[in-house]
Amino acid sequence: MKKTAAWLVRYALEQIKVTHTFGIPGVHNTEIYDELDKSETIEPVLVTHEGYGAFMADAMSRCSDSIGTLVIVPAAGATHAASGIGEASLDGIPMLVISGGVRTDSAFQYQLHDMDQHTMMSPITKKTYKVEKHEDVVSTIYEAYELANAGEPGPVFVEIPVNLQLDKGDVTELPEYQPSTKSLPSDYDKEIEQAVKLLAEAKNPGIFVGWGGVDASDLTEKIASKLSAPVSTTLQGLSAFSAKHPLHTGMGFGGAAVPAATNAFKDCDCLLAIGTRFAEIGTGSFGVTVPENLIHIDINPKVFSANYPAKVAIGGDAKLVLEKLWQALEGADVQSTQNNISKQIKADKQAYLDEWKEHDSKDRVNPATFFGSLRKQINDDAIVIADDGNHTFLTAELMPCYLPRHFFSPTDFNCMGYATPAVIGAKLANPQKQVVGIIGDGAFLMSQTELFTASDRGIGAIFTIFNDGELAQISQAQSTPYNKKTCTTLPSLRLKAMVEASGCQYIRIESNEDIDQMINQAIELSNQNVPVVLDVNVDYSKKTRFTKGIIKTNLKRMNLPTKVRMISRALWRRL
């Protein structure tokens, strides 16, 4: 039989159950878009910028069973999308990137968009493919999809030359996609036995969970309850353990963590780390103290002992490993002395919340009061997405998450501008759920054009803008050592005009007295498939524990001459 590569792309994407694609049509992919328009199961989504399309695809992968998929033009489309692809790469999120390519049957050089995309994409993808004949289109996409989800997930790039899209070629068969099954190697019995022994004998065991443990939260809960072990998470792993659980402490466990976590982990003598790389943000700039008895579970064996030495390392999917660990641990006698630790955690959480609520925000909105009202008014299964900035850590400290994959944020790549398009991607993937973005005004300025996409598609979601006129996280970091702010004050933002121009609804929260009413109004509108921008006159005057903690940690790490110079300069500029 003869088929165009464009037809074969559609067939393969339907087989792997892609529901949406994101991108912009151009001369090198219009044939693919024409085929996608014929699909009964795939909806192509036009975005204003391929980078924001990549954020939408990233979000779709994080909160649905469908892989986020880009369909982009070569060269400019690929460079535009690179930040979103890089975010997915460092955060371990599967993504399928389908790019057009220049003609391979032309004798001419210097074609439009003619560049080596593979050299550029290699550092931010698991693998790149260039399809050279029709027969390979379907199998290549299947292989790319499998690779994107295998091991530590990540993006995979597939280039399909435009001449293959246009012309029909011979295809011997159209294979149906058959998913592979995950299994744990059988040679980890010794490590499981050793892990059980260390956990059972520990007096003060603790558990640290990252995104890699997000699909094993039920098993983590069983193990935590058995051991009476407090549970901390990374930023990306906040949804991997329910904040409703009495052993939940919050993000991190060192000097940059909230008091509930710092206190619960201060005497930890055995740490079970699940699906975490012990990266910079999760460890508060590597300011945590990790006990000698570290049991580290991760899909990527390269992370073991990279930052902290592991006594027991088990490479594999967290859910499969924890199933085996729980089977061995369930009947064991444990020596934990932390039977009453949940009371301490509850008291510490309440004290920290009271500290925030007592803070005088004057004529601005107190973040704790805002998040308290938001959490009370939205559903337990609402998806919350935080952009990069000071608001990220306010959300992490003050906004409890109850269900797996219902909170996420750009983390290791740490790309500002993520949340506005990510909210759209999450809502398309979960039309029945509430979706709320927590976005700094600086981050919003980067990707606010996607409000037009939200309006056009009737994305009933809430885009919350924490508006203070600054790049707050950096300006706070500048004010301590420099006593001044350089390039962190934003231009005057006529947010209401911008929002109304996009066709979205605008609501302003001026002070604490407005919070309950305006959040309720925003929810009602979003439930009617109306995108709402909630402009919050936020108070950033009180620093998060994370911000204060990493400042202290990094100051301690400086050599003496640098430390003296930094402190002296700060003091001099305050005179």
Protein backbone atom coordinates (compact mmCIF):
# COMPACT_ATOMS: atom_id res chain seq x y z
CA MET A 1 0.00 0.00 0.00
CA LYS A 2 1.02 3.62 -0.51
CA LYS A 3 0.62 6.29 2.16
CA THR A 4 1.99 9.75 2.81
CA ALA A 5 4.15 10.25 5.88
CA ALA A 6 1.60 12.80 7.10
CA TRP A 7 -1.12 10.13 7.06
CA LEU A 8 1.20 7.71 8.83
CA VAL A 9 1.95 10.28 11.54
CA ARG A 10 -1.76 10.63 12.24
CA TYR A 11 -2.20 6.88 12.33
CA ALA A 12 0.67 6.38 14.78
CA LEU A 13 -0.43 9.22 17.09
CA GLU A 14 -3.96 7.78 17.17
CA GLN A 15 -2.55 4.36 18.02
CA ILE A 16 -0.61 5.67 21.05
CA LYS A 17 -3.77 7.58 22.10
CA VAL A 18 -2.54 11.13 21.77
CA THR A 19 -5.52 13.42 22.47
CA HIS A 20 -4.05 16.85 21.66
CA THR A 21 -1.14 18.27 19.75
CA PHE A 22 0.32 21.73 20.29
CA GLY A 23 2.13 23.94 17.82
CA ILE A 24 1.90 26.21 14.80
CA PRO A 25 1.50 25.07 11.18
CA GLY A 26 4.07 26.15 8.61
CA VAL A 27 5.29 25.17 5.18
CA HIS A 28 7.10 22.11 6.53
CA ASN A 29 4.24 20.56 8.53
CA THR A 30 0.97 21.69 6.91
CA GLU A 31 0.36 18.19 5.55
CA ILE A 32 0.53 16.77 9.08
CA TYR A 33 -1.90 19.40 10.30
CA ASP A 34 -4.27 18.59 7.43
CA GLU A 35 -4.28 14.96 8.53
CA LEU A 36 -4.71 15.87 12.21
CA ASP A 37 -7.78 17.89 11.24
CA LYS A 38 -9.31 14.68 9.89
CA SER A 39 -8.73 12.75 13.13
CA GLU A 40 -11.73 11.88 15.30
CA THR A 41 -9.60 11.45 18.43
CA ILE A 42 -6.85 14.09 18.17
CA GLU A 43 -7.41 17.82 18.56
CA PRO A 44 -4.64 20.05 17.18
CA VAL A 45 -4.25 23.20 19.31
CA LEU A 46 -2.93 26.41 17.79
CA VAL A 47 -0.66 28.29 20.21
CA THR A 48 0.85 31.77 20.03
CA HIS A 49 4.41 30.51 20.54
CA GLU A 50 5.92 27.03 20.30
CA GLY A 51 7.65 27.44 23.68
CA TYR A 52 4.26 27.87 25.34
CA GLY A 53 2.93 24.92 23.36
CA ALA A 54 5.74 22.88 24.89
CA PHE A 55 4.61 23.97 28.38
CA MET A 56 1.07 22.87 27.50
CA ALA A 57 2.38 19.51 26.35
CA ASP A 58 4.48 19.20 29.51
CA ALA A 59 1.43 19.84 31.71
CA MET A 60 -0.66 17.34 29.77
CA SER A 61 1.92 14.63 30.42
CA ARG A 62 2.06 15.47 34.12
CA CYS A 63 -1.66 15.21 34.79
CA SER A 64 -3.12 12.75 32.26
CA ASP A 65 -2.55 9.38 30.60
CA SER A 66 -1.88 11.04 27.25
CA ILE A 67 1.64 12.06 26.28
CA GLY A 68 2.09 15.77 25.59
CA THR A 69 2.82 16.13 21.89
CA LEU A 70 4.26 19.01 19.87
CA VAL A 71 3.89 19.40 16.12
CA ILE A 72 6.26 22.16 15.06
CA VAL A 73 8.09 23.62 12.09
CA PRO A 74 11.84 23.08 11.89
CA ALA A 75 14.46 25.66 12.93
CA ALA A 76 12.50 28.59 14.44
CA GLY A 77 9.78 26.29 15.76
CA ALA A 78 12.38 24.07 17.38
CA THR A 79 14.34 26.94 18.94
CA HIS A 80 11.11 28.51 20.22
CA ALA A 81 10.07 25.19 21.77
CA ALA A 82 13.48 24.49 23.29
CA SER A 83 12.76 26.00 26.73
CA GLY A 84 9.67 23.85 27.19
CA ILE A 85 11.47 20.77 25.93
CA GLY A 86 14.36 21.54 28.29
CA GLU A 87 11.94 21.87 31.23
CA ALA A 88 10.47 18.46 30.49
CA SER A 89 13.97 17.03 30.09
CA LEU A 90 15.34 18.14 33.46
CA ASP A 91 12.05 17.47 35.28
CA GLY A 92 11.74 13.95 33.87
CA ILE A 93 8.47 14.49 31.95
CA PRO A 94 7.66 12.45 28.81
CA MET A 95 7.07 14.48 25.64
CA LEU A 96 6.83 13.67 21.96
CA VAL A 97 8.17 16.33 19.59
CA ILE A 98 7.21 15.92 15.92
CA SER A 99 9.01 18.37 13.67
CA GLY A 100 8.85 18.95 9.98
CA GLY A 101 12.10 18.89 8.06
CA VAL A 102 13.48 20.34 4.85
CA ARG A 103 13.30 18.35 1.63
CA THR A 104 15.77 15.49 1.41
CA ASP A 105 15.22 15.03 -2.34
CA SER A 106 16.40 18.50 -3.37
CA ALA A 107 19.73 19.27 -5.04
CA PHE A 108 19.64 22.83 -3.69
CA GLN A 109 21.38 24.07 -0.56
CA TYR A 110 20.24 26.81 1.85
CA GLN A 111 16.64 25.74 1.93
CA LEU A 112 14.21 27.56 4.21
CA HIS A 113 14.63 26.35 7.84
CA ASP A 114 17.67 24.28 6.85
CA MET A 115 19.62 23.61 10.04
CA ASP A 116 20.95 20.70 12.05
CA GLN A 117 18.13 20.33 14.58
CA HIS A 118 19.56 17.17 16.07
CA THR A 119 22.75 18.75 17.39
CA MET A 120 20.65 21.43 19.07
CA MET A 121 18.09 18.99 20.48
CA SER A 122 20.52 16.33 21.63
CA PRO A 123 21.29 17.85 25.09
CA ILE A 124 17.61 18.35 25.98
CA THR A 125 16.08 15.12 24.66
CA LYS A 126 16.59 11.43 25.31
CA LYS A 127 17.09 10.80 21.59
CA THR A 128 16.46 12.36 18.21
CA TYR A 129 15.28 10.59 15.05
CA LYS A 130 15.23 11.61 11.39
CA VAL A 131 12.83 9.51 9.32
CA GLU A 132 14.28 8.70 5.90
CA LYS A 133 11.55 6.53 4.35
CA HIS A 134 7.82 6.00 4.67
CA GLU A 135 8.21 2.47 5.99
CA ASP A 136 9.86 3.83 9.16
CA VAL A 137 7.33 6.51 10.16
CA VAL A 138 5.03 4.42 12.36
CA SER A 139 7.73 2.28 13.95
CA THR A 140 9.83 5.37 14.71
CA ILE A 141 6.95 7.12 16.47
CA TYR A 142 6.19 3.97 18.45
CA GLU A 143 9.84 3.67 19.45
CA ALA A 144 10.01 7.37 20.36
CA TYR A 145 6.89 7.04 22.50
CA GLU A 146 8.26 3.99 24.32
CA LEU A 147 11.59 5.72 24.94
CA ALA A 148 9.91 8.90 26.21
CA ASN A 149 8.19 6.83 28.92
CA ALA A 150 10.96 4.33 29.64
CA GLY A 151 13.33 4.62 32.60
CA GLU A 152 13.51 8.24 33.66
CA PRO A 153 10.96 9.83 31.29
CA GLY A 154 11.81 12.73 29.00
CA PRO A 155 11.27 14.29 25.57
CA VAL A 156 12.05 12.55 22.29
CA PHE A 157 12.44 14.41 18.98
CA VAL A 158 11.32 13.08 15.57
CA GLU A 159 12.02 14.94 12.31
CA ILE A 160 9.95 14.07 9.25
CA PRO A 161 11.08 15.69 5.97
CA VAL A 162 8.38 17.58 4.11
CA ASN A 163 8.80 15.57 0.89
CA LEU A 164 7.84 12.39 2.76
CA GLN A 165 4.76 14.17 4.11
CA LEU A 166 3.70 15.26 0.63
CA ASP A 167 4.49 12.16 -1.43
CA LYS A 168 3.08 8.66 -1.10
CA GLY A 169 5.49 5.85 -0.43
CA ASP A 170 5.33 2.08 -0.06
CA VAL A 171 4.30 0.69 3.33
CA THR A 172 4.11 -3.07 3.82
CA GLU A 173 2.03 -3.02 7.02
CA LEU A 174 0.28 -0.80 9.57
CA PRO A 175 1.08 -2.38 12.92
CA GLU A 176 -1.12 -1.69 15.92
CA TYR A 177 0.65 -0.31 18.94
CA GLN A 178 1.30 -2.85 21.69
CA PRO A 179 2.45 -1.26 24.99
CA SER A 180 5.30 -2.85 26.86
CA THR A 181 4.98 -3.83 30.52
CA LYS A 182 7.17 -2.62 33.36
CA SER A 183 8.89 -5.10 35.59
CA LEU A 184 11.43 -4.94 38.39
CA PRO A 185 14.65 -6.91 37.95
CA SER A 186 14.71 -9.94 40.23
CA ASP A 187 18.20 -9.31 41.59
CA TYR A 188 17.25 -6.74 44.22
CA ASP A 189 16.24 -9.19 46.95
CA LYS A 190 19.43 -8.52 48.91
CA GLU A 191 18.92 -4.74 48.77
CA ILE A 192 15.27 -5.06 49.81
CA GLU A 193 16.28 -7.22 52.76
CA GLN A 194 18.95 -4.72 53.79
CA ALA A 195 16.51 -1.79 53.46
CA VAL A 196 13.92 -3.54 55.64
CA LYS A 197 16.54 -4.21 58.31
CA LEU A 198 17.68 -0.57 58.40
CA LEU A 199 14.11 0.77 58.50
CA ALA A 200 12.92 -1.68 61.14
CA GLU A 201 15.88 -0.96 63.44
CA ALA A 202 15.73 2.82 63.06
CA LYS A 203 14.58 4.87 66.05
CA ASN A 204 13.74 7.98 64.00
CA PRO A 205 13.15 6.97 60.38
CA GLY A 206 12.07 9.54 57.79
CA ILE A 207 10.81 9.47 54.19
CA PHE A 208 11.71 11.94 51.42
CA VAL A 209 9.64 11.75 48.21
CA GLY A 210 10.13 13.32 44.80
CA TRP A 211 8.13 13.31 41.58
CA GLY A 212 9.37 9.79 40.87
CA GLY A 213 7.16 8.57 43.71
CA VAL A 214 4.01 10.37 42.58
CA ASP A 215 2.27 7.20 41.38
CA ALA A 216 3.17 5.21 44.50
CA SER A 217 1.61 7.48 47.12
CA ASP A 218 -0.62 4.71 48.53
CA LEU A 219 2.41 2.50 49.20
CA THR A 220 4.36 5.41 50.69
CA GLU A 221 1.45 6.01 53.07
CA LYS A 222 1.46 2.35 54.18
CA ILE A 223 5.21 2.38 54.82
CA ALA A 224 5.09 5.73 56.62
CA SER A 225 2.26 4.56 58.89
CA LYS A 226 4.06 1.29 59.65
CA LEU A 227 7.24 3.15 60.66
CA SER A 228 5.58 6.23 62.22
CA ALA A 229 7.93 8.08 59.86
CA PRO A 230 7.47 11.74 58.96
CA VAL A 231 7.27 12.39 55.22
CA SER A 232 8.81 15.32 53.40
CA THR A 233 8.71 15.98 49.67
CA THR A 234 10.62 17.88 47.04
CA LEU A 235 8.94 20.85 45.33
CA GLN A 236 8.10 18.76 42.30
CA GLY A 237 7.01 15.90 44.55
CA LEU A 238 4.52 17.90 46.65
CA SER A 239 1.61 15.89 45.29
CA ALA A 240 3.33 12.54 45.95
CA PHE A 241 2.11 12.49 49.56
CA SER A 242 -1.23 13.90 50.69
CA ALA A 243 -1.12 16.96 52.94
CA LYS A 244 -4.14 15.45 54.73
CA HIS A 245 -1.99 12.64 56.12
CA PRO A 246 -0.90 13.29 59.73
CA LEU A 247 2.71 12.34 58.89
CA HIS A 248 2.99 14.89 56.07
CA THR A 249 5.45 17.66 56.99
CA GLY A 250 5.92 19.76 53.83
CA MET A 251 8.67 20.55 51.34
CA GLY A 252 12.27 19.78 52.30
CA PHE A 253 13.66 18.84 55.69
CA GLY A 254 16.64 21.12 56.36
CA GLY A 255 17.10 24.77 57.27
CA ALA A 256 15.04 25.89 54.27
CA ALA A 257 12.03 23.75 55.21
CA VAL A 258 8.95 24.70 57.20
CA PRO A 259 9.22 24.10 60.99
CA ALA A 260 7.10 20.93 60.88
CA ALA A 261 9.67 19.29 58.58
CA THR A 262 12.79 20.74 60.22
CA ASN A 263 11.70 19.55 63.65
CA ALA A 264 10.44 16.14 62.54
CA PHE A 265 13.67 15.28 60.74
CA LYS A 266 16.23 16.77 63.15
CA ASP A 267 17.09 13.37 64.68
CA CYS A 268 16.49 11.24 61.58
CA ASP A 269 18.74 8.17 61.69
CA CYS A 270 17.48 6.40 58.55
CA LEU A 271 16.12 8.09 55.44
CA LEU A 272 14.06 6.37 52.74
CA ALA A 273 14.36 8.53 49.61
CA ILE A 274 11.86 7.75 46.85
CA GLY A 275 12.09 9.12 43.31
CA THR A 276 14.30 12.10 44.09
CA ARG A 277 17.69 13.23 42.81
CA PHE A 278 18.52 15.34 45.88
CA ALA A 279 18.68 18.33 43.55
CA GLU A 280 19.33 21.92 44.60
CA ILE A 281 15.77 23.15 45.21
CA GLY A 282 14.55 20.03 46.98
CA THR A 283 17.50 20.15 49.37
CA GLY A 284 17.39 23.92 49.98
CA SER A 285 20.68 24.55 48.15
CA PHE A 286 22.09 21.27 49.48
CA GLY A 287 21.53 22.45 53.04
CA VAL A 288 20.08 19.19 54.39
CA THR A 289 21.77 16.70 56.69
CA VAL A 290 21.30 13.19 55.33
CA PRO A 291 21.91 10.29 57.74
CA GLU A 292 24.46 7.58 57.05
CA ASN A 293 21.64 5.06 56.64
CA LEU A 294 20.26 6.35 53.33
CA ILE A 295 18.04 4.02 51.29
CA HIS A 296 17.67 5.52 47.83
CA ILE A 297 15.08 4.33 45.28
CA ASP A 298 15.06 5.84 41.80
CA ILE A 299 14.44 4.86 38.20
CA ASN A 300 17.76 6.47 37.18
CA PRO A 301 20.80 4.76 38.76
CA LYS A 302 23.00 7.78 37.91
CA VAL A 303 21.48 9.71 40.83
CA PHE A 304 22.72 7.26 43.47
CA SER A 305 25.42 8.80 45.67
CA ALA A 306 25.70 11.77 43.30
CA ASN A 307 25.19 14.24 46.15
CA TYR A 308 24.72 12.07 49.25
CA PRO A 309 26.15 8.55 49.69
CA ALA A 310 23.55 5.79 49.67
CA LYS A 311 23.97 2.75 51.91
CA VAL A 312 21.29 0.93 49.91
CA ALA A 313 20.50 1.84 46.29
CA ILE A 314 17.63 0.24 44.38
CA GLY A 315 17.17 1.16 40.72
CA GLY A 316 13.66 0.76 39.38
CA ASP A 317 10.16 2.18 39.08
CA ALA A 318 9.17 3.45 42.54
CA LYS A 319 5.80 1.73 42.54
CA LEU A 320 7.28 -1.67 41.71
CA VAL A 321 10.08 -1.30 44.24
CA LEU A 322 7.77 -0.11 47.02
CA GLU A 323 5.38 -2.99 46.37
CA LYS A 324 8.24 -5.39 47.03
CA LEU A 325 9.53 -3.36 49.97
CA TRP A 326 6.10 -3.24 51.58
CA GLN A 327 5.63 -7.00 51.22
CA ALA A 328 8.88 -7.52 53.12
CA LEU A 329 8.27 -4.77 55.69
CA GLU A 330 4.61 -5.38 56.50
CA GLY A 331 5.22 -8.15 59.00
CA ALA A 332 8.47 -6.82 60.45
CA ASP A 333 8.88 -5.61 64.05
CA VAL A 334 9.86 -1.94 63.97
CA GLN A 335 11.78 -0.05 66.63
CA SER A 336 10.59 3.47 65.82
CA THR A 337 10.12 5.70 68.86
CA GLN A 338 8.06 8.31 66.95
CA ASN A 339 4.54 7.14 67.75
CA ASN A 340 3.45 10.63 68.79
CA ILE A 341 5.23 12.57 66.08
CA SER A 342 2.00 13.38 64.22
CA LYS A 343 0.93 15.58 67.17
CA GLN A 344 4.17 17.55 66.92
CA ILE A 345 3.74 17.93 63.14
CA LYS A 346 0.18 19.22 63.55
CA ALA A 347 1.20 21.72 66.22
CA ASP A 348 4.17 22.97 64.19
CA LYS A 349 2.02 23.40 61.09
CA GLN A 350 -0.59 25.39 63.01
CA ALA A 351 2.03 27.59 64.67
CA TYR A 352 3.61 28.42 61.30
CA LEU A 353 0.22 29.21 59.76
CA ASP A 354 -0.66 31.44 62.72
CA GLU A 355 2.68 33.23 62.31
CA TRP A 356 1.77 34.04 58.73
CA LYS A 357 -1.78 35.12 59.50
CA GLU A 358 -0.55 37.42 62.26
CA HIS A 359 1.81 39.16 59.86
CA ASP A 360 0.62 42.71 59.12
CA SER A 361 0.15 42.97 55.37
CA LYS A 362 -1.22 46.49 55.74
CA ASP A 363 -3.21 47.37 52.62
CA ARG A 364 -2.08 44.29 50.67
CA VAL A 365 -3.24 40.66 50.56
CA ASN A 366 -1.76 38.28 53.12
CA PRO A 367 -0.65 35.13 51.21
CA ALA A 368 -1.71 32.78 54.03
CA THR A 369 -5.19 34.29 54.14
CA PHE A 370 -5.47 34.02 50.35
CA PHE A 371 -4.36 30.38 50.18
CA GLY A 372 -6.57 29.47 53.13
CA SER A 373 -9.62 30.78 51.32
CA LEU A 374 -8.61 29.25 47.98
CA ARG A 375 -8.03 25.81 49.51
CA LYS A 376 -11.41 25.94 51.29
CA GLN A 377 -13.32 26.99 48.18
CA ILE A 378 -11.86 24.79 45.45
CA ASN A 379 -12.40 21.03 45.19
CA ASP A 380 -9.98 18.52 46.66
CA ASP A 381 -9.22 17.31 43.12
CA ALA A 382 -8.49 20.77 41.75
CA ILE A 383 -5.17 20.99 39.89
CA VAL A 384 -2.88 23.79 41.08
CA ILE A 385 0.08 24.90 38.96
CA ALA A 386 2.68 27.35 40.22
CA ASP A 387 5.06 29.28 38.00
CA ASP A 388 8.67 30.02 38.93
CA GLY A 389 9.23 32.81 41.45
CA ASN A 390 8.57 33.83 45.05
CA HIS A 391 4.96 32.70 44.71
CA THR A 392 6.23 29.16 44.04
CA PHE A 393 7.50 28.74 47.57
CA LEU A 394 4.55 30.55 49.10
CA THR A 395 2.34 27.98 47.37
CA ALA A 396 4.57 25.12 48.53
CA GLU A 397 4.45 26.30 52.15
CA LEU A 398 0.85 27.54 52.42
CA MET A 399 -1.29 25.65 49.87
CA PRO A 400 -1.89 21.98 50.81
CA CYS A 401 -2.12 19.42 47.99
CA TYR A 402 -4.27 16.34 48.51
CA LEU A 403 -3.99 14.12 45.41
CA PRO A 404 -1.18 12.77 43.23
CA ARG A 405 -0.38 14.78 40.08
CA HIS A 406 -2.59 17.65 41.25
CA PHE A 407 0.23 20.11 41.88
CA PHE A 408 3.26 20.82 39.74
CA SER A 409 5.73 23.57 38.94
CA PRO A 410 8.82 24.09 36.77
CA THR A 411 11.67 22.89 38.91
CA ASP A 412 15.17 21.91 37.82
CA PHE A 413 15.10 23.78 34.50
CA ASN A 414 13.18 26.46 36.41
CA CYS A 415 11.62 28.25 33.44
CA MET A 416 9.54 31.37 34.11
CA GLY A 417 6.40 31.76 32.00
CA TYR A 418 5.42 28.11 32.48
CA ALA A 419 2.12 28.29 34.32
CA THR A 420 -0.16 30.30 32.01
CA PRO A 421 0.17 27.81 29.13
CA ALA A 422 0.44 24.86 31.54
CA VAL A 423 -2.97 25.74 33.00
CA ILE A 424 -4.40 25.52 29.48
CA GLY A 425 -2.75 22.13 28.87
CA ALA A 426 -3.97 20.78 32.21
CA LYS A 427 -7.53 21.97 31.60
CA LEU A 428 -7.63 20.43 28.11
CA ALA A 429 -6.47 17.16 29.66
CA ASN A 430 -8.94 17.41 32.57
CA PRO A 431 -11.99 19.38 31.39
CA GLN A 432 -14.06 18.14 34.34
CA LYS A 433 -11.63 19.43 37.00
CA GLN A 434 -10.91 22.89 38.35
CA VAL A 435 -7.49 24.21 37.35
CA VAL A 436 -5.81 27.14 39.09
CA GLY A 437 -2.53 28.80 38.18
CA ILE A 438 -0.43 30.73 40.69
CA ILE A 439 1.65 33.10 38.58
CA GLY A 440 3.96 35.99 39.39
CA ASP A 441 3.46 39.20 37.44
CA GLY A 442 6.91 38.83 35.87
CA ALA A 443 6.22 35.25 34.80
CA PHE A 444 2.81 36.30 33.48
CA LEU A 445 4.36 38.95 31.25
CA MET A 446 6.40 36.26 29.52
CA SER A 447 3.52 34.13 28.30
CA GLN A 448 0.38 36.26 28.68
CA THR A 449 -0.37 35.98 24.94
CA GLU A 450 -1.74 32.51 25.63
CA LEU A 451 -4.75 34.16 27.27
CA PHE A 452 -5.98 34.53 23.70
CA THR A 453 -5.75 30.75 23.33
CA ALA A 454 -7.61 30.31 26.62
CA SER A 455 -10.37 32.68 25.54
CA ASP A 456 -10.69 31.16 22.07
CA ARG A 457 -11.06 27.66 23.49
CA GLY A 458 -13.25 28.49 26.47
CA ILE A 459 -10.69 27.32 29.01
CA GLY A 460 -12.61 27.59 32.28
CA ALA A 461 -9.64 28.05 34.57
CA ILE A 462 -8.33 30.63 37.03
CA PHE A 463 -5.07 32.41 36.26
CA THR A 464 -4.05 33.95 39.59
CA ILE A 465 -1.50 36.76 39.22
CA PHE A 466 0.50 37.66 42.33
CA ASN A 467 1.03 41.30 41.45
CA ASP A 468 3.68 43.34 43.28
CA GLY A 469 5.47 45.07 40.40
CA GLU A 470 8.75 43.20 40.90
CA LEU A 471 10.59 39.99 40.19
CA ALA A 472 10.10 39.30 43.88
CA GLN A 473 12.26 36.23 44.44
CA ILE A 474 15.32 37.92 42.93
CA SER A 475 14.59 41.37 44.34
CA GLN A 476 14.45 39.86 47.83
CA ALA A 477 17.73 38.10 47.18
CA GLN A 478 19.23 41.40 46.00
CA SER A 479 18.00 43.47 48.93
CA THR A 480 19.85 41.44 51.58
CA PRO A 481 23.44 41.68 50.28
CA TYR A 482 23.13 44.76 48.05
CA ASN A 483 20.46 46.95 49.69
CA LYS A 484 19.26 47.80 46.21
CA LYS A 485 17.39 46.25 43.32
CA THR A 486 18.82 46.00 39.82
CA CYS A 487 16.62 45.10 36.83
CA THR A 488 13.92 43.54 39.02
CA THR A 489 11.33 46.35 38.98
CA LEU A 490 8.73 45.65 36.30
CA PRO A 491 7.24 48.25 33.98
CA SER A 492 3.81 49.56 34.88
CA LEU A 493 1.34 46.80 34.08
CA ARG A 494 -2.19 47.70 32.92
CA LEU A 495 -3.36 44.19 33.67
CA LYS A 496 -7.09 44.84 33.36
CA ALA A 497 -6.68 46.20 29.85
CA MET A 498 -4.47 43.27 28.80
CA VAL A 499 -6.92 40.71 30.14
CA GLU A 500 -10.00 42.31 28.63
CA ALA A 501 -8.24 42.63 25.28
CA SER A 502 -7.73 38.86 25.27
CA GLY A 503 -11.42 38.19 25.92
CA CYS A 504 -10.91 36.84 29.44
CA GLN A 505 -12.61 38.03 32.63
CA TYR A 506 -10.70 40.21 35.08
CA ILE A 507 -11.16 40.26 38.88
CA ARG A 508 -9.07 42.27 41.34
CA ILE A 509 -8.38 41.34 44.96
CA GLU A 510 -7.26 44.56 46.60
CA SER A 511 -7.15 43.56 50.26
CA ASN A 512 -7.90 40.71 52.67
CA GLU A 513 -11.52 41.79 52.91
CA ASP A 514 -12.04 40.99 49.22
CA ILE A 515 -10.55 37.49 49.20
CA ASP A 516 -13.52 35.20 49.88
CA GLN A 517 -15.95 37.01 47.61
CA MET A 518 -13.61 37.44 44.66
CA ILE A 519 -12.34 33.85 44.74
CA ASN A 520 -15.96 32.65 44.80
CA GLN A 521 -16.76 34.87 41.83
CA ALA A 522 -13.74 33.55 39.92
CA ILE A 523 -14.75 29.95 40.59
CA GLU A 524 -18.32 30.57 39.41
CA LEU A 525 -17.11 32.10 36.15
CA SER A 526 -14.55 29.35 35.50
CA ASN A 527 -17.26 26.73 36.07
CA GLN A 528 -19.07 28.37 33.13
CA ASN A 529 -16.03 27.76 30.86
CA VAL A 530 -14.85 31.34 31.20
CA PRO A 531 -11.11 31.96 31.68
CA VAL A 532 -10.58 34.28 34.65
CA VAL A 533 -7.55 36.34 35.60
CA LEU A 534 -7.48 36.97 39.35
CA ASP A 535 -5.25 39.96 40.04
CA VAL A 536 -3.97 39.75 43.64
CA ASN A 537 -2.41 42.77 45.30
CA VAL A 538 -0.05 40.45 47.14
CA ASP A 539 2.15 41.22 50.13
CA TYR A 540 5.67 39.82 49.72
CA SER A 541 7.13 41.58 52.77
CA LYS A 542 7.43 38.35 54.77
CA LYS A 543 10.00 35.91 53.44
CA THR A 544 9.30 32.21 53.10
CA ARG A 545 11.29 29.71 55.13
CA PHE A 546 12.78 28.54 51.84
CA THR A 547 14.12 31.98 50.95
CA LYS A 548 15.55 32.61 54.40
CA GLY A 549 17.01 29.12 54.57
CA ILE A 550 18.88 29.18 51.28
CA ILE A 551 20.33 32.63 52.04
CA LYS A 552 21.79 31.27 55.30
CA THR A 553 22.99 28.08 53.65
CA ASN A 554 24.75 29.84 50.79
CA LEU A 555 26.29 32.45 53.09
CA LYS A 556 27.78 29.68 55.24
CA ARG A 557 29.20 28.02 52.14
CA MET A 558 31.15 31.12 51.02
CA ASN A 559 34.84 31.37 51.81
CA LEU A 560 35.81 33.92 54.46
CA PRO A 561 37.00 36.76 52.16
CA THR A 562 33.83 36.57 50.06
CA LYS A 563 31.63 36.38 53.15
CA VAL A 564 33.33 39.44 54.70
CA ARG A 565 32.98 41.37 51.43
CA MET A 566 29.26 40.51 51.12
CA ILE A 567 28.43 41.40 54.72
CA SER A 568 30.54 44.58 54.67
CA ARG A 569 28.92 45.79 51.47
CA ALA A 570 25.45 45.14 52.85
CA LEU A 571 26.21 47.01 56.08
CA TRP A 572 27.89 49.94 54.28
CA ARG A 573 24.94 50.45 51.96
CA ARG A 574 22.60 50.61 54.92
CA LEU A 575 24.46 53.50 56.53
